[in-house]
Amino acid sequence: MGARGVALLCVLLAAAACFVPPAFAANTVILVSIDGFRADYLERGITPNLLRLSREGVRATAMEPVFPSLTYPNHYSIVTGLYPDHHGIVGNSMRDPEMPGHLFALSNRAELAVPRWWEGAIPIWETLHRHGLKSATVFWPGSETVIHGVQPDFWMPFDHRVTIDARVDKVLELLSRPEAERPVFLTLYFDSVDHQGHVAGPESREVDDAMAQVDAGLGRLFAALRERGLAERTDLVIVSDHGMAGTSPDRMVSLDDYTDASGFDSINSGAVAGIYPRPGAERAIARDLVERPLPHANCWAAHDIPARLHYGANPRVAPYFCVAEVGWLLKTHDARPIVVKGMHGYDPATPSMAALFVASGPAFKPGVVIPRLRVVDVYPLLAKLLGVPPEPNDGSIDPLLPALR
């Protein structure tokens, strides 16, 4: 019986003495996320270390994010292999009808720490824990929360002020620990490219500067792995969660220009908006936003969202959901002004939303280009590299098999 079968037997027998034999991770795996790094940024010539790694290892021409192409849904999909409808993190902001009075929002750190938001899925670090393997996250959405009673063996509360070099140094320090304490899986997260994409726009010098700084940090990491003799037993998987599209102040759709503002509440203004009709206004919302064409946006009842988006069945999805045409923004007149030059969240099939995927290390063949990959496909790859059985997921290892030794 394999480790998974033993684990199941433990649950069935409720025997405290049962124990799952440790799995064997052939190599250390470092998962790097460069938030907002659009797939075609790689060709700008700004990131020589990352470009060299992509040519020496494996790259996808583009990786399709999950819908909505937002930070938290995609990061949780990367480490669970599930679409948001299945793992439950359906937006950067969301409500749950079974949790009245609670609002999940990036600015609400106390709410992000509530386990129930995250417990629709089993992240990879929880699987590793159950197989006796250690993990560490130098930032990752969900890792600050106790999920099913488990957290990574090392984690850090997110702090955007922690420098790129300090983040790299922490990963290197973790890899220097005694073998019994050393994690076999680590995450490393950078947010500056996404931040500058919003503030200055995807074609800006500020984005180029942010990419160059992250690339220099990655160059330090790669060099240290080589100097310490770790490169030959470390697999690097470098991804982003989504791309970025340029926006402008003259491309705004005010939803309350098309329906009575007193009839609904909304969350997630920007590329997408969740619409919550107030009692008695359901029919008016359906008529005004769904049945009548809305300029530069599409709105659906949750159960009618196109099947290809794998979205709308989870009760946390708003009853009506709108997505703007790429480059346009959704808002209401009473909302805080949206002052950005770049945005994501749009249809994941849009080229400007395409995410980065680069991998290199002893598990990968050199010089392989994968034509199509999805964010949910990263998880089964991680499980295979780490030697643990994947939890049920929506991804597939098949597109990556030609890249593996």
Protein backbone atom coordinates (compact mmCIF):
# COMPACT_ATOMS: atom_id res chain seq x y z
CA MET A 1 0.00 0.00 0.00
CA GLY A 2 1.35 3.44 -0.94
CA ALA A 3 1.62 6.48 1.34
CA ARG A 4 -1.72 7.77 0.09
CA GLY A 5 -3.41 4.49 0.94
CA VAL A 6 -1.90 4.50 4.40
CA ALA A 7 -3.14 8.06 4.92
CA LEU A 8 -6.65 7.05 3.91
CA LEU A 9 -6.53 4.06 6.24
CA CYS A 10 -5.48 6.37 9.07
CA VAL A 11 -8.51 8.53 8.49
CA LEU A 12 -10.88 5.59 8.24
CA LEU A 13 -9.63 3.98 11.41
CA ALA A 14 -9.18 7.29 13.25
CA ALA A 15 -6.09 5.74 14.75
CA ALA A 16 -3.78 8.25 16.32
CA ALA A 17 -0.94 5.79 16.13
CA CYS A 18 -1.12 5.63 12.32
CA PHE A 19 1.58 7.47 10.53
CA VAL A 20 2.29 8.24 6.86
CA PRO A 21 5.79 7.21 5.79
CA PRO A 22 7.84 10.19 4.60
CA ALA A 23 7.87 10.69 0.86
CA PHE A 24 11.14 11.17 -0.99
CA ALA A 25 11.81 14.46 -2.76
CA ALA A 26 14.57 13.82 -5.29
CA ASN A 27 15.47 17.51 -5.49
CA THR A 28 14.74 20.76 -3.76
CA VAL A 29 12.06 22.77 -5.59
CA ILE A 30 11.96 26.57 -5.53
CA LEU A 31 8.74 28.09 -6.85
CA VAL A 32 9.20 31.75 -7.77
CA SER A 33 6.29 34.09 -8.55
CA ILE A 34 6.88 37.43 -10.26
CA ASP A 35 3.45 38.99 -9.84
CA GLY A 36 2.16 40.70 -12.98
CA PHE A 37 5.04 39.58 -15.24
CA ARG A 38 3.34 39.38 -18.63
CA ALA A 39 4.60 36.53 -20.82
CA ASP A 40 5.96 38.82 -23.54
CA TYR A 41 7.98 40.89 -21.02
CA LEU A 42 10.60 38.16 -21.32
CA GLU A 43 11.47 39.37 -24.83
CA ARG A 44 12.20 42.96 -23.83
CA GLY A 45 15.87 42.28 -23.12
CA ILE A 46 15.53 43.63 -19.58
CA THR A 47 15.92 40.29 -17.77
CA PRO A 48 19.11 38.55 -18.97
CA ASN A 49 19.25 36.03 -16.11
CA LEU A 50 15.67 34.93 -16.60
CA LEU A 51 16.05 34.86 -20.38
CA ARG A 52 19.17 32.70 -20.14
CA LEU A 53 17.39 30.32 -17.77
CA SER A 54 14.46 30.06 -20.20
CA ARG A 55 16.80 29.15 -23.06
CA GLU A 56 18.79 26.65 -21.02
CA GLY A 57 15.69 25.05 -19.55
CA VAL A 58 11.98 25.02 -20.35
CA ARG A 59 9.60 27.82 -21.15
CA ALA A 60 5.99 28.14 -22.21
CA THR A 61 5.19 30.61 -24.95
CA ALA A 62 2.34 31.69 -22.67
CA MET A 63 0.53 30.34 -19.64
CA GLU A 64 -3.19 30.99 -19.33
CA PRO A 65 -4.32 32.22 -15.92
CA VAL A 66 -7.56 31.21 -14.27
CA PHE A 67 -10.53 33.55 -14.35
CA PRO A 68 -10.66 36.14 -12.98
CA SER A 69 -7.03 36.88 -13.77
CA LEU A 70 -6.39 38.33 -10.31
CA THR A 71 -3.58 37.72 -7.82
CA TYR A 72 -5.16 35.65 -5.05
CA PRO A 73 -7.27 33.29 -7.20
CA ASN A 74 -4.29 32.48 -9.42
CA HIS A 75 -1.75 32.04 -6.65
CA TYR A 76 -4.03 29.60 -4.88
CA SER A 77 -4.62 27.76 -8.16
CA ILE A 78 -0.86 27.41 -8.64
CA VAL A 79 -0.43 25.58 -5.31
CA THR A 80 -3.69 23.55 -5.46
CA GLY A 81 -4.23 22.87 -9.17
CA LEU A 82 -7.88 23.89 -8.84
CA TYR A 83 -10.00 26.52 -10.52
CA PRO A 84 -11.38 29.20 -8.17
CA ASP A 85 -14.83 27.65 -8.38
CA HIS A 86 -13.30 24.58 -6.73
CA HIS A 87 -10.78 26.04 -4.26
CA GLY A 88 -13.02 28.90 -3.14
CA ILE A 89 -10.72 31.93 -3.51
CA VAL A 90 -12.90 33.43 -6.24
CA GLY A 91 -11.54 36.97 -6.07
CA ASN A 92 -9.25 39.42 -4.32
CA SER A 93 -12.44 40.54 -2.59
CA MET A 94 -15.42 38.28 -1.94
CA ARG A 95 -18.33 37.43 0.31
CA ASP A 96 -19.64 34.08 1.48
CA PRO A 97 -23.38 33.60 2.11
CA GLU A 98 -22.48 31.19 4.92
CA MET A 99 -20.27 33.82 6.61
CA PRO A 100 -22.54 36.87 6.99
CA GLY A 101 -20.74 40.02 8.01
CA HIS A 102 -17.38 38.80 6.68
CA LEU A 103 -15.64 40.42 3.71
CA PHE A 104 -12.49 38.86 2.29
CA ALA A 105 -10.27 41.71 1.09
CA LEU A 106 -6.53 42.18 0.59
CA SER A 107 -6.51 45.13 2.96
CA ASN A 108 -8.16 43.15 5.76
CA ARG A 109 -5.32 41.07 7.22
CA ALA A 110 -7.47 39.70 10.03
CA GLU A 111 -10.00 38.32 7.54
CA LEU A 112 -7.29 36.78 5.35
CA ALA A 113 -6.22 34.75 8.40
CA VAL A 114 -9.65 33.11 8.81
CA PRO A 115 -9.07 29.43 7.86
CA ARG A 116 -12.54 28.87 6.45
CA TRP A 117 -11.83 31.04 3.42
CA TRP A 118 -8.99 28.74 2.36
CA GLU A 119 -10.18 25.28 3.37
CA GLY A 120 -11.87 24.41 0.09
CA ALA A 121 -8.52 23.01 -1.08
CA ILE A 122 -5.31 21.39 0.12
CA PRO A 123 -2.23 23.45 -0.82
CA ILE A 124 0.98 21.67 -1.70
CA TRP A 125 2.66 22.55 1.61
CA GLU A 126 -0.10 20.72 3.49
CA THR A 127 0.45 17.60 1.39
CA LEU A 128 4.19 17.82 2.06
CA HIS A 129 3.56 18.14 5.80
CA ARG A 130 1.42 15.01 5.77
CA HIS A 131 4.24 13.13 4.08
CA GLY A 132 6.94 14.24 6.49
CA LEU A 133 8.54 16.84 4.21
CA LYS A 134 9.32 20.44 5.12
CA SER A 135 8.27 23.57 3.24
CA ALA A 136 8.91 27.30 3.49
CA THR A 137 7.23 30.33 1.95
CA VAL A 138 8.95 33.67 1.55
CA PHE A 139 5.49 35.12 0.93
CA TRP A 140 2.59 33.32 -0.78
CA PRO A 141 -1.17 33.93 -0.53
CA GLY A 142 -2.65 31.48 1.96
CA SER A 143 0.59 30.58 3.69
CA GLU A 144 -0.09 32.99 6.56
CA THR A 145 -3.25 31.06 7.45
CA VAL A 146 -3.61 27.80 9.36
CA ILE A 147 -5.36 25.61 6.75
CA HIS A 148 -6.72 22.30 8.08
CA GLY A 149 -4.44 22.82 11.05
CA VAL A 150 -1.30 23.14 8.92
CA GLN A 151 1.05 25.91 7.80
CA PRO A 152 4.42 25.78 6.04
CA ASP A 153 7.26 24.97 8.43
CA PHE A 154 8.51 28.50 7.80
CA TRP A 155 6.40 31.42 6.57
CA MET A 156 6.49 35.19 6.63
CA PRO A 157 3.63 37.70 6.90
CA PHE A 158 3.58 39.68 3.69
CA ASP A 159 5.40 42.99 3.86
CA HIS A 160 5.99 44.85 0.60
CA ARG A 161 8.84 46.77 2.27
CA VAL A 162 11.03 43.66 2.44
CA THR A 163 13.59 44.20 -0.31
CA ILE A 164 14.28 41.86 -3.19
CA ASP A 165 17.73 41.05 -1.80
CA ALA A 166 16.31 40.36 1.67
CA ARG A 167 13.81 37.91 0.19
CA VAL A 168 16.54 36.10 -1.74
CA ASP A 169 18.76 36.06 1.34
CA LYS A 170 16.01 34.42 3.39
CA VAL A 171 15.66 31.63 0.81
CA LEU A 172 19.41 31.08 0.85
CA GLU A 173 19.42 31.03 4.66
CA LEU A 174 16.67 28.41 4.66
CA LEU A 175 18.69 26.28 2.23
CA SER A 176 21.70 26.54 4.55
CA ARG A 177 19.94 24.95 7.50
CA PRO A 178 20.87 21.45 8.70
CA GLU A 179 19.38 18.71 6.57
CA ALA A 180 16.77 17.76 9.17
CA GLU A 181 15.47 21.34 9.20
CA ARG A 182 15.93 22.19 5.53
CA PRO A 183 12.78 22.60 3.41
CA VAL A 184 12.47 20.62 0.19
CA PHE A 185 9.95 23.13 -1.19
CA LEU A 186 10.28 26.90 -1.02
CA THR A 187 8.38 29.80 -2.52
CA LEU A 188 9.77 33.21 -3.35
CA TYR A 189 7.39 36.04 -4.27
CA PHE A 190 8.06 39.42 -5.90
CA ASP A 191 5.35 42.08 -6.20
CA SER A 192 7.13 45.13 -7.65
CA VAL A 193 6.51 44.39 -11.35
CA ASP A 194 2.77 44.16 -10.73
CA HIS A 195 2.79 47.33 -8.62
CA GLN A 196 4.56 49.35 -11.29
CA GLY A 197 2.33 47.87 -13.99
CA HIS A 198 -0.68 49.31 -12.19
CA VAL A 199 0.88 52.66 -11.33
CA ALA A 200 2.80 53.44 -14.52
CA GLY A 201 1.40 51.03 -17.13
CA PRO A 202 2.80 47.88 -18.72
CA GLU A 203 4.89 49.70 -21.33
CA SER A 204 6.52 52.05 -18.83
CA ARG A 205 10.16 52.55 -17.85
CA GLU A 206 9.09 51.86 -14.26
CA VAL A 207 8.03 48.32 -15.20
CA ASP A 208 11.33 47.80 -17.01
CA ASP A 209 13.23 49.00 -13.94
CA ALA A 210 11.22 46.71 -11.65
CA MET A 211 11.89 43.73 -13.94
CA ALA A 212 15.60 44.52 -14.01
CA GLN A 213 15.72 44.65 -10.21
CA VAL A 214 13.91 41.32 -9.83
CA ASP A 215 16.15 39.77 -12.48
CA ALA A 216 19.24 40.95 -10.61
CA GLY A 217 17.87 39.31 -7.46
CA LEU A 218 17.27 36.09 -9.35
CA GLY A 219 20.81 36.32 -10.72
CA ARG A 220 22.09 36.42 -7.12
CA LEU A 221 19.98 33.36 -6.30
CA PHE A 222 21.20 31.40 -9.33
CA ALA A 223 24.84 32.29 -8.63
CA ALA A 224 24.56 31.30 -4.96
CA LEU A 225 22.99 27.94 -5.88
CA ARG A 226 25.92 27.25 -8.22
CA GLU A 227 28.56 28.38 -5.72
CA ARG A 228 27.11 26.19 -2.97
CA GLY A 229 26.85 23.14 -5.21
CA LEU A 230 23.07 23.18 -4.97
CA ALA A 231 22.21 23.89 -8.61
CA GLU A 232 22.51 20.26 -9.67
CA ARG A 233 19.87 19.21 -7.13
CA THR A 234 17.53 22.20 -7.24
CA ASP A 235 14.63 22.57 -9.64
CA LEU A 236 13.47 26.13 -10.28
CA VAL A 237 9.91 26.83 -11.41
CA ILE A 238 9.39 30.52 -12.18
CA VAL A 239 5.88 31.74 -12.91
CA SER A 240 3.63 34.75 -12.82
CA ASP A 241 -0.04 34.85 -11.95
CA HIS A 242 -1.29 36.99 -14.82
CA GLY A 243 -0.27 39.68 -17.28
CA MET A 244 -1.16 43.36 -17.48
CA ALA A 245 -3.12 45.59 -19.89
CA GLY A 246 -2.82 49.34 -20.35
CA THR A 247 -5.75 51.49 -19.19
CA SER A 248 -6.65 55.17 -19.30
CA PRO A 249 -9.08 57.53 -17.50
CA ASP A 250 -11.26 57.88 -20.60
CA ARG A 251 -12.02 54.15 -20.70
CA MET A 252 -14.39 53.82 -17.75
CA VAL A 253 -17.81 52.18 -17.59
CA SER A 254 -19.98 53.43 -14.72
CA LEU A 255 -22.45 50.65 -13.98
CA ASP A 256 -24.91 53.03 -12.38
CA ASP A 257 -25.23 54.85 -15.69
CA TYR A 258 -27.16 51.79 -16.87
CA THR A 259 -29.12 50.72 -13.80
CA ASP A 260 -30.36 52.36 -10.62
CA ALA A 261 -27.49 52.61 -8.12
CA SER A 262 -29.92 52.09 -5.24
CA GLY A 263 -30.63 48.57 -6.50
CA PHE A 264 -27.24 46.93 -5.95
CA ASP A 265 -23.96 46.74 -4.09
CA SER A 266 -20.73 45.86 -5.87
CA ILE A 267 -17.25 44.64 -5.04
CA ASN A 268 -14.14 44.20 -7.22
CA SER A 269 -14.30 47.41 -9.23
CA GLY A 270 -11.70 47.47 -12.00
CA ALA A 271 -11.53 44.81 -14.68
CA VAL A 272 -14.32 42.84 -12.98
CA ALA A 273 -17.22 43.64 -10.69
CA GLY A 274 -19.40 41.39 -8.55
CA ILE A 275 -22.98 42.68 -8.40
CA TYR A 276 -25.23 42.00 -5.41
CA PRO A 277 -28.84 43.06 -6.08
CA ARG A 278 -30.71 44.48 -3.13
CA PRO A 279 -34.03 42.81 -2.24
CA GLY A 280 -36.63 43.47 -4.93
CA ALA A 281 -34.12 44.74 -7.51
CA GLU A 282 -33.11 41.38 -8.99
CA ARG A 283 -35.29 41.71 -12.07
CA ALA A 284 -34.10 45.26 -12.79
CA ILE A 285 -30.44 44.22 -12.53
CA ALA A 286 -30.99 41.29 -14.87
CA ARG A 287 -32.81 43.51 -17.37
CA ASP A 288 -30.40 46.46 -17.26
CA LEU A 289 -27.02 44.74 -17.07
CA VAL A 290 -27.51 41.29 -18.59
CA GLU A 291 -30.34 41.42 -21.13
CA ARG A 292 -29.35 44.81 -22.56
CA PRO A 293 -25.90 45.02 -24.17
CA LEU A 294 -23.48 46.95 -21.98
CA PRO A 295 -20.83 48.97 -23.84
CA HIS A 296 -17.29 47.66 -23.36
CA ALA A 297 -18.33 45.00 -20.83
CA ASN A 298 -20.21 41.72 -20.43
CA CYS A 299 -22.41 40.86 -17.46
CA TRP A 300 -23.90 37.47 -16.64
CA ALA A 301 -25.93 35.82 -13.97
CA ALA A 302 -23.42 33.64 -12.12
CA HIS A 303 -24.92 30.40 -13.43
CA ASP A 304 -24.68 31.68 -17.03
CA ILE A 305 -20.98 32.62 -17.04
CA PRO A 306 -19.43 30.86 -20.08
CA ALA A 307 -18.31 27.33 -19.27
CA ARG A 308 -14.81 27.92 -20.66
CA LEU A 309 -14.14 30.28 -17.74
CA HIS A 310 -14.80 27.54 -15.13
CA TYR A 311 -16.46 30.12 -12.91
CA GLY A 312 -19.83 30.82 -11.38
CA ALA A 313 -20.81 27.64 -9.53
CA ASN A 314 -19.16 28.54 -6.23
CA PRO A 315 -21.59 30.34 -3.85
CA ARG A 316 -18.92 32.98 -3.20
CA VAL A 317 -19.27 34.26 -6.77
CA ALA A 318 -21.59 37.26 -6.80
CA PRO A 319 -25.11 36.64 -8.21
CA TYR A 320 -24.21 38.81 -11.20
CA PHE A 321 -20.70 39.20 -12.49
CA CYS A 322 -19.32 41.69 -15.02
CA VAL A 323 -15.99 41.75 -16.87
CA ALA A 324 -14.77 44.73 -18.85
CA GLU A 325 -13.37 44.73 -22.34
CA VAL A 326 -9.57 44.64 -22.12
CA GLY A 327 -8.24 48.08 -21.24
CA TRP A 328 -11.57 49.30 -19.86
CA LEU A 329 -12.52 49.63 -16.20
CA LEU A 330 -15.78 49.14 -14.31
CA LYS A 331 -16.82 51.42 -11.47
CA THR A 332 -19.73 53.16 -9.78
CA HIS A 333 -20.07 56.92 -9.29
CA ASP A 334 -19.82 56.74 -5.50
CA ALA A 335 -16.72 54.52 -5.52
CA ARG A 336 -13.21 55.76 -4.93
CA PRO A 337 -11.69 56.95 -8.24
CA ILE A 338 -9.66 54.34 -10.12
CA VAL A 339 -6.34 56.01 -10.89
CA VAL A 340 -4.23 53.37 -12.62
CA LYS A 341 -2.44 52.97 -15.93
CA GLY A 342 -2.56 49.18 -15.96
CA MET A 343 -4.99 46.47 -14.89
CA HIS A 344 -5.55 42.72 -14.96
CA GLY A 345 -8.54 40.53 -14.18
CA TYR A 346 -9.76 40.30 -17.78
CA ASP A 347 -10.60 37.25 -19.88
CA PRO A 348 -7.64 34.87 -19.38
CA ALA A 349 -7.55 34.00 -23.09
CA THR A 350 -6.52 37.58 -23.88
CA PRO A 351 -2.82 37.76 -24.90
CA SER A 352 -2.12 40.65 -22.49
CA MET A 353 -3.23 38.43 -19.57
CA ALA A 354 -0.79 35.62 -20.48
CA ALA A 355 1.50 34.62 -17.60
CA LEU A 356 5.14 33.57 -17.42
CA PHE A 357 6.38 29.98 -17.08
CA VAL A 358 10.08 29.10 -17.00
CA ALA A 359 11.65 26.02 -15.39
CA SER A 360 15.18 24.69 -15.11
CA GLY A 361 17.09 22.12 -13.10
CA PRO A 362 18.02 18.44 -13.10
CA ALA A 363 14.42 17.33 -13.71
CA PHE A 364 14.10 19.32 -16.94
CA LYS A 365 15.43 18.88 -20.45
CA PRO A 366 17.21 21.90 -21.94
CA GLY A 367 15.79 24.04 -24.71
CA VAL A 368 12.16 22.87 -24.60
CA VAL A 369 9.36 25.25 -25.58
CA ILE A 370 5.82 24.34 -24.54
CA PRO A 371 3.18 25.91 -26.78
CA ARG A 372 0.30 25.94 -24.31
CA LEU A 373 0.06 25.73 -20.54
CA ARG A 374 -2.50 26.65 -17.89
CA VAL A 375 -1.91 27.92 -14.38
CA VAL A 376 -3.65 24.82 -12.98
CA ASP A 377 -1.04 22.62 -14.71
CA VAL A 378 1.74 23.89 -12.44
CA TYR A 379 0.44 22.00 -9.39
CA PRO A 380 0.72 18.44 -10.79
CA LEU A 381 4.24 19.36 -11.93
CA LEU A 382 5.17 20.44 -8.39
CA ALA A 383 3.76 17.23 -6.94
CA LYS A 384 5.74 15.13 -9.42
CA LEU A 385 8.98 17.00 -8.76
CA LEU A 386 8.49 16.63 -5.00
CA GLY A 387 7.55 12.95 -5.15
CA VAL A 388 4.18 13.30 -3.43
CA PRO A 389 0.79 12.14 -4.73
CA PRO A 390 -1.23 15.11 -6.02
CA GLU A 391 -4.59 15.87 -4.50
CA PRO A 392 -7.55 15.80 -6.92
CA ASN A 393 -7.06 18.79 -9.21
CA ASP A 394 -8.07 20.42 -12.49
CA GLY A 395 -4.59 20.44 -13.99
CA SER A 396 -2.68 18.00 -16.16
CA ILE A 397 0.96 16.98 -16.21
CA ASP A 398 0.65 15.97 -19.90
CA PRO A 399 1.73 19.28 -21.48
CA LEU A 400 4.90 19.20 -19.38
CA LEU A 401 5.91 15.58 -19.92
CA PRO A 402 8.01 16.40 -23.04
CA ALA A 403 10.03 18.79 -20.86
CA LEU A 404 10.90 16.29 -18.15
CA ARG A 405 13.95 14.04 -18.18
